[in-house]
Amino acid sequence: QVQLVESGGGLVQPGGSLRLSCAASGSIFSINTMGWYRQAPGKQRELVAGIPTGGSPKYADSVKGRFTIARDIAKNTVYLQMNSLKPEDTGVYYCNLHEWTRGMDYWGKGTLVTVSS
């Protein structure tokens, strides 16, 4: 079983920054993608950014140039640096780990990000 624990959410003013972290533990296959999804009130969950093992990151168009995803393989941790935050970035951010070998998806419980003045 794999557990994902997120941290770093909170309230920030427009234009501000936040850094999210997600630590994975348990039996993790080495070939995987870690990423962040978000769900705004009344909307479907959407991919924000993802980064595969040894691969290049991918971003939603809405966050390109503002968000940066990075991972520490040794620590099984993924980070999301969010700059120039906008009110439309508000939502619950979920960490995801996708294991390609077993076709499994694991999710964290989510952390709330609120961008408001």
N, C-alpha and C. Protein backbone atom coordinates (compact mmCIF):
# COMPACT_ATOMS: atom_id res chain seq x y z
N GLN A 1 0.84 -1.19 0.00
CA GLN A 1 0.00 0.00 0.00
C GLN A 1 0.88 1.25 0.00
N VAL A 2 0.42 2.25 -0.70
CA VAL A 2 1.14 3.51 -0.82
C VAL A 2 0.35 4.61 -0.13
N GLN A 3 1.04 5.41 0.65
CA GLN A 3 0.41 6.55 1.30
C GLN A 3 1.04 7.84 0.80
N LEU A 4 0.19 8.84 0.58
CA LEU A 4 0.65 10.15 0.14
C LEU A 4 0.18 11.18 1.16
N VAL A 5 1.09 12.01 1.61
CA VAL A 5 0.76 13.04 2.59
C VAL A 5 1.18 14.40 2.06
N GLU A 6 0.17 15.27 1.88
CA GLU A 6 0.43 16.61 1.35
C GLU A 6 0.58 17.62 2.49
N SER A 7 1.27 18.70 2.17
CA SER A 7 1.38 19.81 3.12
C SER A 7 1.66 21.08 2.32
N GLY A 8 1.39 22.22 2.96
CA GLY A 8 1.77 23.49 2.37
C GLY A 8 0.64 24.36 1.87
N GLY A 9 -0.59 23.91 1.95
CA GLY A 9 -1.70 24.74 1.52
C GLY A 9 -1.96 25.87 2.48
N GLY A 10 -2.87 26.77 2.08
CA GLY A 10 -3.21 27.88 2.95
C GLY A 10 -3.86 29.01 2.20
N LEU A 11 -3.94 30.15 2.87
CA LEU A 11 -4.54 31.34 2.31
C LEU A 11 -3.44 32.29 1.85
N VAL A 12 -3.57 32.78 0.64
CA VAL A 12 -2.56 33.69 0.11
C VAL A 12 -3.26 34.75 -0.73
N GLN A 13 -2.67 35.93 -0.78
CA GLN A 13 -3.25 37.00 -1.59
C GLN A 13 -2.89 36.81 -3.06
N PRO A 14 -3.70 37.35 -3.95
CA PRO A 14 -3.35 37.29 -5.37
C PRO A 14 -1.96 37.84 -5.62
N GLY A 15 -1.22 37.14 -6.46
CA GLY A 15 0.15 37.52 -6.73
C GLY A 15 1.16 36.87 -5.81
N GLY A 16 0.69 36.22 -4.78
CA GLY A 16 1.56 35.58 -3.82
C GLY A 16 2.03 34.20 -4.26
N SER A 17 2.75 33.55 -3.35
CA SER A 17 3.33 32.24 -3.65
C SER A 17 3.05 31.25 -2.53
N LEU A 18 3.00 29.99 -2.92
CA LEU A 18 2.89 28.88 -1.97
C LEU A 18 3.70 27.72 -2.52
N ARG A 19 4.15 26.87 -1.62
CA ARG A 19 4.86 25.66 -2.03
C ARG A 19 4.19 24.47 -1.38
N LEU A 20 3.74 23.56 -2.22
CA LEU A 20 3.14 22.32 -1.75
C LEU A 20 4.17 21.20 -1.77
N SER A 21 4.04 20.31 -0.81
CA SER A 21 4.90 19.12 -0.76
C SER A 21 4.03 17.89 -0.61
N CYS A 22 4.53 16.79 -1.15
CA CYS A 22 3.82 15.51 -1.03
C CYS A 22 4.86 14.41 -0.86
N ALA A 23 4.77 13.73 0.27
CA ALA A 23 5.69 12.65 0.56
C ALA A 23 4.98 11.32 0.39
N ALA A 24 5.58 10.43 -0.38
CA ALA A 24 5.02 9.11 -0.60
C ALA A 24 5.77 8.08 0.24
N SER A 25 5.04 7.12 0.76
CA SER A 25 5.65 6.04 1.53
C SER A 25 4.94 4.73 1.21
N GLY A 26 5.61 3.62 1.53
CA GLY A 26 5.04 2.32 1.25
C GLY A 26 5.78 1.61 0.13
N SER A 27 5.13 0.65 -0.46
CA SER A 27 5.73 -0.16 -1.54
C SER A 27 5.53 0.55 -2.87
N ILE A 28 6.54 1.30 -3.27
CA ILE A 28 6.43 2.13 -4.46
C ILE A 28 7.31 1.56 -5.56
N PHE A 29 6.69 1.30 -6.72
CA PHE A 29 7.47 0.88 -7.86
C PHE A 29 8.25 2.08 -8.39
N SER A 30 9.42 1.80 -8.90
CA SER A 30 10.32 2.89 -9.28
C SER A 30 9.83 3.67 -10.50
N ILE A 31 9.11 2.99 -11.39
CA ILE A 31 8.65 3.68 -12.60
C ILE A 31 7.25 4.24 -12.32
N ASN A 32 7.21 5.54 -12.15
CA ASN A 32 5.93 6.14 -11.82
C ASN A 32 5.92 7.61 -12.21
N THR A 33 4.75 8.16 -12.13
CA THR A 33 4.59 9.60 -12.32
C THR A 33 3.96 10.16 -11.06
N MET A 34 4.52 11.23 -10.57
CA MET A 34 3.92 11.94 -9.45
C MET A 34 3.42 13.29 -9.96
N GLY A 35 2.31 13.70 -9.41
CA GLY A 35 1.75 14.95 -9.90
C GLY A 35 0.74 15.56 -8.96
N TRP A 36 0.23 16.68 -9.39
CA TRP A 36 -0.77 17.42 -8.62
C TRP A 36 -2.01 17.66 -9.47
N TYR A 37 -3.14 17.43 -8.86
CA TYR A 37 -4.43 17.75 -9.44
C TYR A 37 -5.11 18.76 -8.51
N ARG A 38 -6.07 19.45 -9.04
CA ARG A 38 -6.83 20.34 -8.18
C ARG A 38 -8.31 20.28 -8.54
N GLN A 39 -9.11 20.60 -7.55
CA GLN A 39 -10.55 20.63 -7.76
C GLN A 39 -11.11 21.89 -7.15
N ALA A 40 -11.61 22.74 -8.01
CA ALA A 40 -12.25 23.98 -7.56
C ALA A 40 -13.70 23.70 -7.21
N PRO A 41 -14.30 24.54 -6.40
CA PRO A 41 -15.70 24.34 -6.02
C PRO A 41 -16.59 24.25 -7.26
N GLY A 42 -17.38 23.19 -7.33
CA GLY A 42 -18.31 23.01 -8.43
C GLY A 42 -17.71 22.57 -9.73
N LYS A 43 -16.42 22.23 -9.72
CA LYS A 43 -15.75 21.82 -10.95
C LYS A 43 -15.13 20.44 -10.80
N GLN A 44 -14.77 19.86 -11.93
CA GLN A 44 -14.14 18.55 -11.91
C GLN A 44 -12.66 18.68 -11.54
N ARG A 45 -12.13 17.59 -11.04
CA ARG A 45 -10.70 17.56 -10.74
C ARG A 45 -9.92 17.64 -12.05
N GLU A 46 -8.86 18.45 -12.05
CA GLU A 46 -8.06 18.61 -13.24
C GLU A 46 -6.58 18.48 -12.92
N LEU A 47 -5.83 18.04 -13.93
CA LEU A 47 -4.39 17.92 -13.78
C LEU A 47 -3.76 19.31 -13.76
N VAL A 48 -2.89 19.54 -12.80
CA VAL A 48 -2.13 20.78 -12.73
C VAL A 48 -0.73 20.58 -13.31
N ALA A 49 -0.05 19.56 -12.82
CA ALA A 49 1.31 19.29 -13.28
C ALA A 49 1.68 17.86 -12.90
N GLY A 50 2.54 17.27 -13.71
CA GLY A 50 3.00 15.92 -13.43
C GLY A 50 4.44 15.75 -13.87
N ILE A 51 5.15 14.86 -13.22
CA ILE A 51 6.54 14.61 -13.58
C ILE A 51 6.85 13.13 -13.42
N PRO A 52 7.23 12.48 -14.51
CA PRO A 52 7.54 11.06 -14.43
C PRO A 52 8.96 10.82 -13.95
N THR A 53 9.22 9.62 -13.50
CA THR A 53 10.57 9.24 -13.11
C THR A 53 11.51 9.42 -14.29
N GLY A 54 12.50 10.25 -14.14
CA GLY A 54 13.47 10.44 -15.21
C GLY A 54 12.94 11.15 -16.43
N GLY A 55 11.79 11.78 -16.31
CA GLY A 55 11.20 12.45 -17.46
C GLY A 55 11.01 13.94 -17.25
N SER A 56 10.38 14.55 -18.24
CA SER A 56 10.17 15.99 -18.20
C SER A 56 8.80 16.31 -17.61
N PRO A 57 8.70 17.41 -16.92
CA PRO A 57 7.41 17.78 -16.35
C PRO A 57 6.43 18.26 -17.41
N LYS A 58 5.16 18.12 -17.08
CA LYS A 58 4.09 18.64 -17.94
C LYS A 58 3.17 19.49 -17.08
N TYR A 59 2.63 20.54 -17.70
CA TYR A 59 1.80 21.49 -16.98
C TYR A 59 0.50 21.75 -17.72
N ALA A 60 -0.52 22.06 -16.96
CA ALA A 60 -1.74 22.58 -17.56
C ALA A 60 -1.44 23.95 -18.14
N ASP A 61 -2.08 24.29 -19.23
CA ASP A 61 -1.83 25.58 -19.87
C ASP A 61 -2.05 26.75 -18.91
N SER A 62 -3.00 26.58 -18.02
CA SER A 62 -3.36 27.67 -17.12
C SER A 62 -2.29 28.00 -16.09
N VAL A 63 -1.34 27.10 -15.90
CA VAL A 63 -0.31 27.35 -14.87
C VAL A 63 1.09 27.46 -15.45
N LYS A 64 1.23 27.26 -16.74
CA LYS A 64 2.56 27.35 -17.36
C LYS A 64 3.19 28.71 -17.10
N GLY A 65 4.45 28.69 -16.72
CA GLY A 65 5.16 29.93 -16.44
C GLY A 65 4.97 30.44 -15.02
N ARG A 66 4.04 29.86 -14.29
CA ARG A 66 3.80 30.30 -12.92
C ARG A 66 4.10 29.20 -11.90
N PHE A 67 3.82 27.96 -12.27
CA PHE A 67 4.03 26.83 -11.36
C PHE A 67 5.22 26.01 -11.82
N THR A 68 5.92 25.43 -10.85
CA THR A 68 7.03 24.54 -11.16
C THR A 68 6.91 23.29 -10.30
N ILE A 69 6.97 22.14 -10.96
CA ILE A 69 6.93 20.87 -10.25
C ILE A 69 8.32 20.27 -10.23
N ALA A 70 8.66 19.66 -9.11
CA ALA A 70 9.97 19.02 -8.98
C ALA A 70 9.81 17.83 -8.06
N ARG A 71 10.71 16.88 -8.20
CA ARG A 71 10.63 15.72 -7.32
C ARG A 71 12.01 15.30 -6.84
N ASP A 72 12.02 14.76 -5.65
CA ASP A 72 13.22 14.21 -5.05
C ASP A 72 13.02 12.69 -5.03
N ILE A 73 13.68 12.00 -5.95
CA ILE A 73 13.48 10.56 -6.09
C ILE A 73 13.87 9.83 -4.81
N ALA A 74 14.97 10.23 -4.22
CA ALA A 74 15.46 9.54 -3.03
C ALA A 74 14.48 9.65 -1.87
N LYS A 75 13.77 10.76 -1.81
CA LYS A 75 12.83 10.99 -0.72
C LYS A 75 11.39 10.66 -1.11
N ASN A 76 11.19 10.22 -2.35
CA ASN A 76 9.83 9.95 -2.84
C ASN A 76 8.91 11.14 -2.55
N THR A 77 9.39 12.30 -2.84
CA THR A 77 8.66 13.53 -2.56
C THR A 77 8.54 14.37 -3.81
N VAL A 78 7.37 14.98 -3.97
CA VAL A 78 7.15 15.88 -5.09
C VAL A 78 6.73 17.24 -4.53
N TYR A 79 7.18 18.27 -5.20
CA TYR A 79 6.90 19.64 -4.77
C TYR A 79 6.20 20.40 -5.89
N LEU A 80 5.39 21.36 -5.48
CA LEU A 80 4.77 22.25 -6.45
C LEU A 80 4.96 23.68 -5.96
N GLN A 81 5.83 24.41 -6.66
CA GLN A 81 6.05 25.82 -6.34
C GLN A 81 5.08 26.63 -7.16
N MET A 82 4.24 27.38 -6.48
CA MET A 82 3.19 28.15 -7.15
C MET A 82 3.44 29.64 -6.93
N ASN A 83 3.70 30.34 -8.02
CA ASN A 83 3.96 31.77 -7.99
C ASN A 83 2.87 32.52 -8.74
N SER A 84 2.80 33.81 -8.51
CA SER A 84 1.82 34.66 -9.19
C SER A 84 0.43 34.06 -9.12
N LEU A 85 0.05 33.66 -7.94
CA LEU A 85 -1.23 32.98 -7.76
C LEU A 85 -2.40 33.90 -8.08
N LYS A 86 -3.42 33.28 -8.64
CA LYS A 86 -4.64 33.99 -9.03
C LYS A 86 -5.82 33.40 -8.28
N PRO A 87 -6.89 34.16 -8.13
CA PRO A 87 -8.07 33.62 -7.46
C PRO A 87 -8.58 32.32 -8.09
N GLU A 88 -8.42 32.19 -9.39
CA GLU A 88 -8.88 30.97 -10.07
C GLU A 88 -8.01 29.76 -9.77
N ASP A 89 -6.91 29.95 -9.06
CA ASP A 89 -6.10 28.82 -8.61
C ASP A 89 -6.65 28.20 -7.33
N THR A 90 -7.64 28.82 -6.77
CA THR A 90 -8.24 28.32 -5.54
C THR A 90 -8.84 26.93 -5.74
N GLY A 91 -8.61 26.06 -4.77
CA GLY A 91 -9.16 24.72 -4.83
C GLY A 91 -8.45 23.79 -3.88
N VAL A 92 -8.90 22.56 -3.87
CA VAL A 92 -8.21 21.52 -3.11
C VAL A 92 -7.20 20.86 -4.05
N TYR A 93 -5.98 20.83 -3.63
CA TYR A 93 -4.90 20.25 -4.42
C TYR A 93 -4.59 18.85 -3.90
N TYR A 94 -4.63 17.91 -4.84
CA TYR A 94 -4.41 16.51 -4.50
C TYR A 94 -3.11 16.01 -5.12
N CYS A 95 -2.35 15.31 -4.33
CA CYS A 95 -1.16 14.64 -4.83
C CYS A 95 -1.56 13.29 -5.42
N ASN A 96 -0.93 12.94 -6.52
CA ASN A 96 -1.21 11.67 -7.19
C ASN A 96 0.07 10.95 -7.51
N LEU A 97 0.05 9.65 -7.35
CA LEU A 97 1.16 8.81 -7.80
C LEU A 97 0.56 7.73 -8.70
N HIS A 98 1.04 7.67 -9.93
CA HIS A 98 0.59 6.66 -10.88
C HIS A 98 1.72 5.68 -11.13
N GLU A 99 1.45 4.41 -10.82
CA GLU A 99 2.44 3.37 -11.06
C GLU A 99 2.16 2.74 -12.43
N TRP A 100 3.09 2.92 -13.35
CA TRP A 100 2.89 2.42 -14.72
C TRP A 100 2.93 0.90 -14.76
N THR A 101 3.76 0.29 -13.93
CA THR A 101 3.91 -1.17 -13.98
C THR A 101 2.62 -1.88 -13.59
N ARG A 102 1.97 -1.39 -12.55
CA ARG A 102 0.76 -2.04 -12.06
C ARG A 102 -0.52 -1.30 -12.47
N GLY A 103 -0.34 -0.16 -13.10
CA GLY A 103 -1.53 0.58 -13.50
C GLY A 103 -2.34 1.08 -12.33
N MET A 104 -1.68 1.40 -11.23
CA MET A 104 -2.36 1.82 -10.01
C MET A 104 -2.24 3.33 -9.83
N ASP A 105 -3.28 3.90 -9.26
CA ASP A 105 -3.29 5.31 -8.90
C ASP A 105 -3.50 5.45 -7.39
N TYR A 106 -2.71 6.29 -6.79
CA TYR A 106 -2.84 6.58 -5.36
C TYR A 106 -3.04 8.09 -5.20
N TRP A 107 -3.83 8.43 -4.18
CA TRP A 107 -4.17 9.83 -3.95
C TRP A 107 -3.94 10.24 -2.51
N GLY A 108 -3.53 11.48 -2.33
CA GLY A 108 -3.49 12.05 -1.01
C GLY A 108 -4.87 12.57 -0.63
N LYS A 109 -4.98 13.05 0.59
CA LYS A 109 -6.28 13.53 1.07
C LYS A 109 -6.59 14.94 0.60
N GLY A 110 -5.59 15.63 0.11
CA GLY A 110 -5.80 16.98 -0.41
C GLY A 110 -5.42 18.07 0.57
N THR A 111 -5.01 19.20 0.00
CA THR A 111 -4.70 20.37 0.82
C THR A 111 -5.35 21.58 0.15
N LEU A 112 -5.98 22.42 0.95
CA LEU A 112 -6.74 23.54 0.42
C LEU A 112 -5.85 24.75 0.16
N VAL A 113 -5.98 25.29 -1.03
CA VAL A 113 -5.30 26.52 -1.41
C VAL A 113 -6.37 27.56 -1.70
N THR A 114 -6.31 28.67 -1.00
CA THR A 114 -7.26 29.75 -1.21
C THR A 114 -6.50 31.01 -1.59
N VAL A 115 -6.83 31.55 -2.75
CA VAL A 115 -6.20 32.78 -3.22
C VAL A 115 -7.26 33.88 -3.18
N SER A 116 -7.09 34.78 -2.24
CA SER A 116 -8.10 35.81 -2.04
C SER A 116 -7.50 37.01 -1.32
N SER A 117 -8.02 38.15 -1.63
CA SER A 117 -7.58 39.37 -0.94
C SER A 117 -8.48 39.66 0.25
